[in-house]
Amino acid sequence: MSKVCGFAKIIILSILFVLIASPVMAQTDTNMNIPAMVKPITNVSPAKIAACKTKEAVVKTRMKQLTELVNTMVATFDDIAGRVETYYSKMVIPTGKTVTNYDTLAGAITSQKTSVKARLSQTETDVDNFNCTNENPKTLINQFKADMQAEKTDLKNYRTSITDLIVAIKTVSRTAQNTPTNTK
């Protein structure tokens, strides 16, 4: 009797498994064969889309203002770097002093400027692509935010490379001024 009872338990458990597991496994997305409960939901409610559309112009304006601020900062940094290079070539080099790693420092400035410009291009693309008719506008805002954070880091590195060149030039020019001349 115990063999029959054990066999009956196995049959009952397998029937229960089939009854419980079949509907869950049958629910799949037709184009990806991923169970429906695993696929992330990206649909935004109509109320949220309406709220987004009322604020879309304000958000785009703010995004454009931030990119303009970055453009202004880049122009200012370019101007400062140009003045430092002019000072070095017209004031320091004629005294016979040179910065030993000037090419490396100038290359770092150029590299950082290129990085800032590339990131700025990506950020401007984010601004152009933003609208509330996409599936999930919050994703676009988060992408813009991440790009602006990276842009901020790139601008900081650009400023640091300019500062490093200024410090090196000032160090050399001060040693040139503090060197006693032989006046006999």
Protein backbone atom coordinates (compact mmCIF):
# COMPACT_ATOMS: atom_id res chain seq x y z
CA MET A 1 0.00 0.00 0.00
CA SER A 2 2.85 2.36 0.68
CA LYS A 3 4.17 1.95 -2.87
CA VAL A 4 0.78 2.93 -4.26
CA CYS A 5 0.56 5.87 -1.87
CA GLY A 6 4.06 7.12 -2.87
CA PHE A 7 3.21 6.74 -6.55
CA ALA A 8 -0.04 8.66 -6.04
CA LYS A 9 1.86 11.48 -4.32
CA ILE A 10 4.23 11.81 -7.29
CA ILE A 11 1.33 11.93 -9.74
CA ILE A 12 -0.57 14.50 -7.67
CA LEU A 13 2.55 16.68 -7.27
CA SER A 14 3.31 16.56 -11.00
CA ILE A 15 -0.29 17.48 -11.85
CA LEU A 16 -0.14 20.41 -9.41
CA PHE A 17 3.15 21.55 -10.89
CA VAL A 18 1.72 21.46 -14.41
CA LEU A 19 -1.40 23.33 -13.36
CA ILE A 20 0.52 26.03 -11.49
CA ALA A 21 3.53 26.46 -13.74
CA SER A 22 1.87 26.23 -17.16
CA PRO A 23 0.00 29.58 -17.11
CA VAL A 24 3.06 31.46 -15.85
CA MET A 25 5.37 29.95 -18.44
CA ALA A 26 2.83 30.46 -21.20
CA GLN A 27 2.82 34.25 -20.74
CA THR A 28 5.58 35.44 -23.05
CA ASP A 29 6.18 38.43 -25.23
CA THR A 30 5.72 37.35 -28.84
CA ASN A 31 8.74 39.15 -30.26
CA MET A 32 11.36 38.38 -27.62
CA ASN A 33 10.20 35.16 -25.88
CA ILE A 34 10.78 36.77 -22.49
CA PRO A 35 8.26 36.07 -19.75
CA ALA A 36 5.88 39.01 -19.46
CA MET A 37 6.58 39.56 -15.77
CA VAL A 38 10.34 40.03 -16.38
CA LYS A 39 10.12 42.69 -19.10
CA PRO A 40 10.44 46.21 -17.58
CA ILE A 41 7.47 48.49 -17.98
CA THR A 42 8.34 51.64 -19.95
CA ASN A 43 4.85 52.93 -20.60
CA VAL A 44 4.15 56.27 -19.02
CA SER A 45 0.63 57.15 -18.00
CA PRO A 46 -1.23 59.74 -20.07
CA ALA A 47 -1.41 62.02 -17.03
CA LYS A 48 2.37 62.04 -16.72
CA ILE A 49 2.76 62.72 -20.44
CA ALA A 50 0.35 65.66 -20.17
CA ALA A 51 2.28 67.01 -17.18
CA CYS A 52 5.52 66.59 -19.09
CA LYS A 53 4.15 68.46 -22.10
CA THR A 54 3.19 71.42 -19.93
CA LYS A 55 6.76 71.62 -18.62
CA GLU A 56 8.58 70.60 -21.82
CA ALA A 57 9.40 74.14 -22.95
CA VAL A 58 10.75 75.06 -19.50
CA VAL A 59 12.89 71.92 -19.33
CA LYS A 60 14.30 72.45 -22.83
CA THR A 61 15.06 76.10 -22.02
CA ARG A 62 16.93 75.09 -18.88
CA MET A 63 18.88 72.44 -20.78
CA LYS A 64 19.84 74.98 -23.45
CA GLN A 65 20.89 77.50 -20.80
CA LEU A 66 23.17 74.92 -19.19
CA THR A 67 24.82 74.11 -22.51
CA GLU A 68 25.26 77.84 -23.19
CA LEU A 69 26.88 78.20 -19.77
CA VAL A 70 29.31 75.43 -20.68
CA ASN A 71 30.03 77.13 -24.03
CA THR A 72 30.78 80.38 -22.18
CA MET A 73 33.09 78.59 -19.75
CA VAL A 74 34.94 76.89 -22.60
CA ALA A 75 35.38 80.24 -24.37
CA THR A 76 36.71 81.79 -21.15
CA PHE A 77 39.13 78.93 -20.57
CA ASP A 78 40.30 79.16 -24.20
CA ASP A 79 40.92 82.88 -23.75
CA ILE A 80 42.90 82.32 -20.56
CA ALA A 81 44.96 79.54 -22.15
CA GLY A 82 45.70 81.78 -25.13
CA ARG A 83 46.84 84.64 -22.90
CA VAL A 84 49.07 82.31 -20.87
CA GLU A 85 50.72 80.96 -24.03
CA THR A 86 51.21 84.51 -25.35
CA TYR A 87 52.76 85.58 -22.04
CA TYR A 88 55.09 82.60 -22.13
CA SER A 89 56.24 83.23 -25.70
CA LYS A 90 56.60 87.03 -25.39
CA MET A 91 57.73 87.50 -21.80
CA VAL A 92 59.38 84.36 -20.47
CA ILE A 93 61.19 82.87 -23.46
CA PRO A 94 63.03 86.14 -24.29
CA THR A 95 64.60 86.06 -20.82
CA GLY A 96 66.19 82.72 -21.70
CA LYS A 97 64.04 80.65 -19.34
CA THR A 98 61.85 77.82 -20.52
CA VAL A 99 59.43 75.40 -18.91
CA THR A 100 60.93 71.96 -19.37
CA ASN A 101 57.60 70.17 -19.75
CA TYR A 102 55.79 72.96 -21.64
CA ASP A 103 54.84 70.68 -24.54
CA THR A 104 53.33 68.12 -22.17
CA LEU A 105 51.34 70.78 -20.33
CA ALA A 106 50.16 72.40 -23.58
CA GLY A 107 49.21 68.94 -24.89
CA ALA A 108 47.20 68.28 -21.74
CA ILE A 109 45.29 71.51 -22.32
CA THR A 110 44.54 70.52 -25.91
CA SER A 111 43.49 67.03 -24.84
CA GLN A 112 41.16 68.34 -22.15
CA LYS A 113 39.67 70.88 -24.55
CA THR A 114 38.94 68.10 -27.05
CA SER A 115 37.29 66.04 -24.32
CA VAL A 116 35.11 68.97 -23.24
CA LYS A 117 34.05 69.71 -26.83
CA ALA A 118 33.14 66.06 -27.48
CA ARG A 119 31.08 65.85 -24.30
CA LEU A 120 29.42 69.17 -25.11
CA SER A 121 28.41 67.81 -28.49
CA GLN A 122 26.79 64.80 -26.80
CA THR A 123 24.99 67.07 -24.32
CA GLU A 124 23.63 69.26 -27.12
CA THR A 125 22.36 66.11 -28.84
CA ASP A 126 20.55 65.19 -25.61
CA VAL A 127 18.86 68.60 -25.62
CA ASP A 128 17.78 68.21 -29.25
CA ASN A 129 16.40 64.70 -28.64
CA PHE A 130 14.33 65.61 -25.58
CA ASN A 131 10.58 65.65 -26.02
CA CYS A 132 7.61 64.29 -24.15
CA THR A 133 6.38 62.10 -26.99
CA ASN A 134 9.08 59.49 -26.36
CA GLU A 135 8.25 56.36 -24.39
CA ASN A 136 10.02 57.57 -21.27
CA PRO A 137 11.13 61.23 -21.14
CA LYS A 138 12.56 60.74 -17.65
CA THR A 139 15.24 58.50 -19.16
CA LEU A 140 16.26 61.34 -21.49
CA ILE A 141 16.45 63.77 -18.57
CA ASN A 142 18.57 61.31 -16.60
CA GLN A 143 20.89 60.90 -19.61
CA PHE A 144 21.24 64.68 -19.87
CA LYS A 145 21.97 64.89 -16.15
CA ALA A 146 24.66 62.19 -16.40
CA ASP A 147 26.23 63.93 -19.41
CA MET A 148 26.24 67.27 -17.57
CA GLN A 149 27.94 65.68 -14.56
CA ALA A 150 30.60 64.25 -16.86
CA GLU A 151 30.87 67.65 -18.56
CA LYS A 152 31.43 69.27 -15.17
CA THR A 153 34.26 66.83 -14.46
CA ASP A 154 35.79 67.49 -17.89
CA LEU A 155 35.63 71.26 -17.32
CA LYS A 156 37.31 70.85 -13.95
CA ASN A 157 40.10 68.81 -15.56
CA TYR A 158 40.45 71.43 -18.32
CA ARG A 159 40.76 74.20 -15.74
CA THR A 160 43.30 72.16 -13.76
CA SER A 161 45.47 71.64 -16.84
CA ILE A 162 45.44 75.40 -17.52
CA THR A 163 46.29 76.07 -13.88
CA ASP A 164 49.20 73.62 -14.06
CA LEU A 165 50.62 75.50 -17.05
CA ILE A 166 50.20 78.86 -15.28
CA VAL A 167 51.97 77.57 -12.17
CA ALA A 168 54.85 76.16 -14.23
CA ILE A 169 55.30 79.40 -16.17
CA LYS A 170 55.07 81.55 -13.04
CA THR A 171 57.61 79.35 -11.28
CA VAL A 172 60.07 79.75 -14.15
CA SER A 173 59.47 83.48 -14.53
CA ARG A 174 59.91 84.10 -10.79
CA THR A 175 63.20 82.26 -10.76
CA ALA A 176 64.25 84.41 -13.69
CA GLN A 177 63.34 87.58 -11.81
CA ASN A 178 64.88 86.46 -8.50
CA THR A 179 68.18 85.41 -10.04
CA PRO A 180 70.75 88.03 -9.07
CA THR A 181 72.52 89.60 -12.00
CA ASN A 182 76.22 90.19 -11.95
CA THR A 183 76.62 94.01 -12.04
CA LYS A 184 80.30 94.82 -11.68
